[in-house]
């Protein structure tokens, strides 16, 4: 899987593979290859979504009830920003 592929490109290719497999017009060997490619694309998309979730600000309340944005960064640790 290319690191240059975007989430959107992977989803588009996955949709195309799904349509081809659902058509039932592809020989078994080709269907298996497409299925394997679909599994790879699914994993790629899942990983991309997990990375995006980690970058999203997590809102938390402090002791005074004030909302704070807690940013998750795997490289630098947690950062807090008042909201």
N, C-alpha and C. Protein backbone atom coordinates (compact mmCIF):
# COMPACT_ATOMS: atom_id res chain seq x y z
N UNK A 1 0.85 -1.18 0.00
CA UNK A 1 0.00 0.00 0.00
C UNK A 1 0.89 1.24 0.00
N UNK A 2 0.64 2.13 -0.89
CA UNK A 2 1.44 3.33 -1.04
C UNK A 2 1.16 4.32 0.08
N UNK A 3 2.21 4.88 0.66
CA UNK A 3 2.07 5.92 1.69
C UNK A 3 1.46 7.18 1.09
N UNK A 4 1.55 7.33 -0.23
CA UNK A 4 1.04 8.51 -0.90
C UNK A 4 -0.47 8.45 -1.13
N UNK A 5 -1.07 7.28 -0.94
CA UNK A 5 -2.51 7.13 -1.13
C UNK A 5 -3.26 7.86 -0.01
N UNK A 6 -4.29 8.57 -0.40
CA UNK A 6 -5.11 9.25 0.60
C UNK A 6 -6.25 8.34 1.05
N UNK A 7 -6.85 8.71 2.16
CA UNK A 7 -8.01 7.98 2.67
C UNK A 7 -9.11 7.94 1.61
N UNK A 8 -9.35 9.09 0.98
CA UNK A 8 -10.41 9.19 -0.01
C UNK A 8 -10.13 8.30 -1.23
N UNK A 9 -8.89 8.25 -1.66
CA UNK A 9 -8.53 7.40 -2.79
C UNK A 9 -8.73 5.92 -2.42
N UNK A 10 -8.34 5.56 -1.21
CA UNK A 10 -8.50 4.18 -0.76
C UNK A 10 -9.97 3.80 -0.69
N UNK A 11 -10.80 4.71 -0.19
CA UNK A 11 -12.24 4.43 -0.10
C UNK A 11 -12.85 4.27 -1.49
N UNK A 12 -12.44 5.12 -2.42
CA UNK A 12 -12.94 5.03 -3.79
C UNK A 12 -12.57 3.69 -4.41
N UNK A 13 -11.32 3.28 -4.24
CA UNK A 13 -10.88 2.01 -4.79
C UNK A 13 -11.62 0.84 -4.12
N UNK A 14 -11.85 0.95 -2.83
CA UNK A 14 -12.58 -0.08 -2.10
C UNK A 14 -14.02 -0.19 -2.60
N UNK A 15 -14.64 0.94 -2.90
CA UNK A 15 -16.00 0.92 -3.46
C UNK A 15 -16.02 0.25 -4.83
N UNK A 16 -15.01 0.53 -5.65
CA UNK A 16 -14.92 -0.08 -6.98
C UNK A 16 -14.75 -1.59 -6.87
N UNK A 17 -13.91 -2.02 -5.94
CA UNK A 17 -13.69 -3.45 -5.73
C UNK A 17 -14.98 -4.11 -5.27
N UNK A 18 -15.69 -3.45 -4.38
CA UNK A 18 -16.95 -4.00 -3.87
C UNK A 18 -17.95 -4.19 -5.00
N UNK A 19 -18.06 -3.19 -5.88
CA UNK A 19 -18.98 -3.30 -7.02
C UNK A 19 -18.58 -4.46 -7.92
N UNK A 20 -17.28 -4.62 -8.17
CA UNK A 20 -16.82 -5.71 -9.03
C UNK A 20 -17.14 -7.07 -8.41
N UNK A 21 -16.89 -7.20 -7.12
CA UNK A 21 -17.15 -8.47 -6.45
C UNK A 21 -18.64 -8.78 -6.40
N UNK A 22 -19.46 -7.75 -6.17
CA UNK A 22 -20.90 -7.95 -6.11
C UNK A 22 -21.50 -8.30 -7.46
N UNK A 23 -20.82 -7.94 -8.54
CA UNK A 23 -21.35 -8.22 -9.88
C UNK A 23 -21.40 -9.72 -10.16
N UNK A 24 -20.51 -10.47 -9.53
CA UNK A 24 -20.48 -11.90 -9.74
C UNK A 24 -19.95 -12.32 -11.10
N UNK A 25 -19.40 -11.41 -11.85
CA UNK A 25 -18.93 -11.69 -13.20
C UNK A 25 -17.42 -11.91 -13.29
N UNK A 26 -16.76 -11.98 -12.15
CA UNK A 26 -15.30 -12.10 -12.13
C UNK A 26 -14.93 -13.54 -11.78
N UNK A 27 -13.95 -14.11 -12.47
CA UNK A 27 -13.50 -15.46 -12.14
C UNK A 27 -13.02 -15.55 -10.68
N UNK A 28 -13.07 -16.74 -10.13
CA UNK A 28 -12.75 -16.96 -8.73
C UNK A 28 -11.36 -16.44 -8.35
N UNK A 29 -10.35 -16.77 -9.15
CA UNK A 29 -8.99 -16.32 -8.83
C UNK A 29 -8.89 -14.80 -8.79
N UNK A 30 -9.52 -14.14 -9.74
CA UNK A 30 -9.52 -12.67 -9.75
C UNK A 30 -10.30 -12.12 -8.57
N UNK A 31 -11.39 -12.79 -8.21
CA UNK A 31 -12.17 -12.36 -7.05
C UNK A 31 -11.36 -12.44 -5.77
N UNK A 32 -10.58 -13.50 -5.64
CA UNK A 32 -9.74 -13.65 -4.46
C UNK A 32 -8.68 -12.55 -4.38
N UNK A 33 -8.09 -12.21 -5.52
CA UNK A 33 -7.10 -11.13 -5.56
C UNK A 33 -7.75 -9.80 -5.19
N UNK A 34 -8.93 -9.55 -5.73
CA UNK A 34 -9.64 -8.32 -5.40
C UNK A 34 -10.01 -8.28 -3.92
N UNK A 35 -10.43 -9.42 -3.39
CA UNK A 35 -10.79 -9.50 -1.98
C UNK A 35 -9.57 -9.17 -1.11
N UNK A 36 -8.41 -9.74 -1.45
CA UNK A 36 -7.18 -9.45 -0.70
C UNK A 36 -6.84 -7.97 -0.76
N UNK A 37 -6.97 -7.37 -1.93
CA UNK A 37 -6.72 -5.93 -2.08
C UNK A 37 -7.71 -5.14 -1.23
N UNK A 38 -8.96 -5.59 -1.20
CA UNK A 38 -9.97 -4.93 -0.38
C UNK A 38 -9.64 -4.98 1.10
N UNK A 39 -9.11 -6.11 1.55
CA UNK A 39 -8.71 -6.24 2.95
C UNK A 39 -7.58 -5.26 3.26
N UNK A 40 -6.60 -5.15 2.36
CA UNK A 40 -5.50 -4.20 2.54
C UNK A 40 -6.03 -2.76 2.62
N UNK A 41 -6.95 -2.43 1.72
CA UNK A 41 -7.51 -1.08 1.71
C UNK A 41 -8.31 -0.80 2.98
N UNK A 42 -9.03 -1.81 3.45
CA UNK A 42 -9.80 -1.66 4.69
C UNK A 42 -8.87 -1.39 5.86
N UNK A 43 -7.77 -2.12 5.93
CA UNK A 43 -6.79 -1.89 7.00
C UNK A 43 -6.18 -0.50 6.90
N UNK A 44 -5.86 -0.08 5.68
CA UNK A 44 -5.31 1.25 5.46
C UNK A 44 -6.29 2.32 5.96
N UNK A 45 -7.55 2.18 5.58
CA UNK A 45 -8.57 3.16 5.99
C UNK A 45 -8.76 3.15 7.51
N UNK A 46 -8.78 1.97 8.08
CA UNK A 46 -8.93 1.85 9.53
C UNK A 46 -7.78 2.54 10.26
N UNK A 47 -6.57 2.32 9.79
CA UNK A 47 -5.40 2.98 10.39
C UNK A 47 -5.46 4.49 10.23
N UNK A 48 -5.89 4.94 9.06
CA UNK A 48 -6.01 6.38 8.82
C UNK A 48 -7.03 7.00 9.77
N UNK A 49 -8.14 6.31 9.99
CA UNK A 49 -9.16 6.81 10.91
C UNK A 49 -8.65 6.84 12.34
N UNK A 50 -7.92 5.81 12.74
CA UNK A 50 -7.35 5.78 14.09
C UNK A 50 -6.38 6.94 14.29
N UNK A 51 -5.55 7.21 13.29
CA UNK A 51 -4.61 8.33 13.38
C UNK A 51 -5.37 9.66 13.49
N UNK A 52 -6.44 9.80 12.72
CA UNK A 52 -7.23 11.03 12.77
C UNK A 52 -7.88 11.20 14.14
N UNK A 53 -8.38 10.11 14.70
CA UNK A 53 -9.00 10.17 16.02
C UNK A 53 -8.01 10.62 17.08
N UNK A 54 -6.76 10.18 16.96
CA UNK A 54 -5.74 10.56 17.92
C UNK A 54 -5.40 12.04 17.83
N UNK A 55 -5.63 12.64 16.69
CA UNK A 55 -5.30 14.05 16.49
C UNK A 55 -6.44 14.99 16.91
N UNK A 56 -7.61 14.42 17.14
CA UNK A 56 -8.77 15.24 17.49
C UNK A 56 -8.66 15.68 18.94
N UNK A 57 -9.06 16.91 19.20
CA UNK A 57 -9.04 17.42 20.58
C UNK A 57 -10.09 16.69 21.40
N UNK A 58 -9.68 16.27 22.60
CA UNK A 58 -10.59 15.60 23.52
C UNK A 58 -11.00 16.63 24.56
N UNK A 59 -12.29 16.91 24.64
CA UNK A 59 -12.76 17.91 25.59
C UNK A 59 -12.91 17.31 26.98
N UNK A 60 -12.37 18.00 27.95
CA UNK A 60 -12.48 17.57 29.34
C UNK A 60 -12.86 18.75 30.21
N UNK A 61 -13.40 18.48 31.38
CA UNK A 61 -13.73 19.54 32.34
C UNK A 61 -12.72 19.54 33.47
N UNK A 62 -12.29 20.74 33.88
CA UNK A 62 -11.43 20.83 35.03
C UNK A 62 -12.28 20.89 36.30
N UNK A 63 -11.66 21.05 37.46
CA UNK A 63 -12.38 21.06 38.74
C UNK A 63 -13.40 22.18 38.85
N UNK A 64 -13.20 23.28 38.14
CA UNK A 64 -14.15 24.41 38.18
C UNK A 64 -15.25 24.28 37.14
N UNK A 65 -15.28 23.21 36.39
CA UNK A 65 -16.30 23.00 35.38
C UNK A 65 -15.99 23.66 34.04
N UNK A 66 -14.79 24.23 33.91
CA UNK A 66 -14.39 24.86 32.66
C UNK A 66 -14.00 23.79 31.66
N UNK A 67 -14.37 24.02 30.41
CA UNK A 67 -14.01 23.08 29.35
C UNK A 67 -12.58 23.35 28.91
N UNK A 68 -11.83 22.30 28.70
CA UNK A 68 -10.47 22.41 28.19
C UNK A 68 -10.33 21.45 27.02
N UNK A 69 -9.58 21.86 26.03
CA UNK A 69 -9.28 20.97 24.91
C UNK A 69 -7.97 20.27 25.23
N UNK A 70 -8.01 18.97 25.26
CA UNK A 70 -6.81 18.19 25.54
C UNK A 70 -6.39 17.53 24.23
N UNK A 71 -5.30 18.01 23.67
CA UNK A 71 -4.82 17.50 22.38
C UNK A 71 -3.93 16.30 22.61
N UNK A 72 -4.15 15.25 21.83
CA UNK A 72 -3.34 14.06 21.92
C UNK A 72 -2.28 14.10 20.83
N UNK A 73 -1.03 13.89 21.24
CA UNK A 73 0.06 13.80 20.29
C UNK A 73 0.93 12.64 20.70
N UNK A 74 1.02 11.62 19.88
CA UNK A 74 1.81 10.43 20.21
C UNK A 74 3.28 10.76 20.35
N UNK A 75 3.77 11.76 19.61
CA UNK A 75 5.19 12.09 19.65
C UNK A 75 5.54 12.97 20.84
N UNK A 76 4.67 13.92 21.16
CA UNK A 76 5.03 14.93 22.16
C UNK A 76 4.30 14.77 23.47
N UNK A 77 3.37 13.83 23.61
CA UNK A 77 2.58 13.72 24.82
C UNK A 77 1.37 14.60 24.73
N UNK A 78 0.65 14.72 25.84
CA UNK A 78 -0.60 15.50 25.85
C UNK A 78 -0.30 16.98 26.02
N UNK A 79 -1.13 17.79 25.38
CA UNK A 79 -1.07 19.23 25.51
C UNK A 79 -2.46 19.72 25.88
N UNK A 80 -2.54 20.72 26.75
CA UNK A 80 -3.83 21.28 27.15
C UNK A 80 -3.97 22.69 26.62
N UNK A 81 -5.16 23.03 26.17
CA UNK A 81 -5.48 24.38 25.72
C UNK A 81 -6.84 24.73 26.28
N UNK A 82 -6.97 25.88 26.93
CA UNK A 82 -8.25 26.30 27.45
C UNK A 82 -9.18 26.65 26.31
N UNK A 83 -10.46 26.31 26.50
CA UNK A 83 -11.47 26.60 25.48
C UNK A 83 -12.40 27.65 26.00
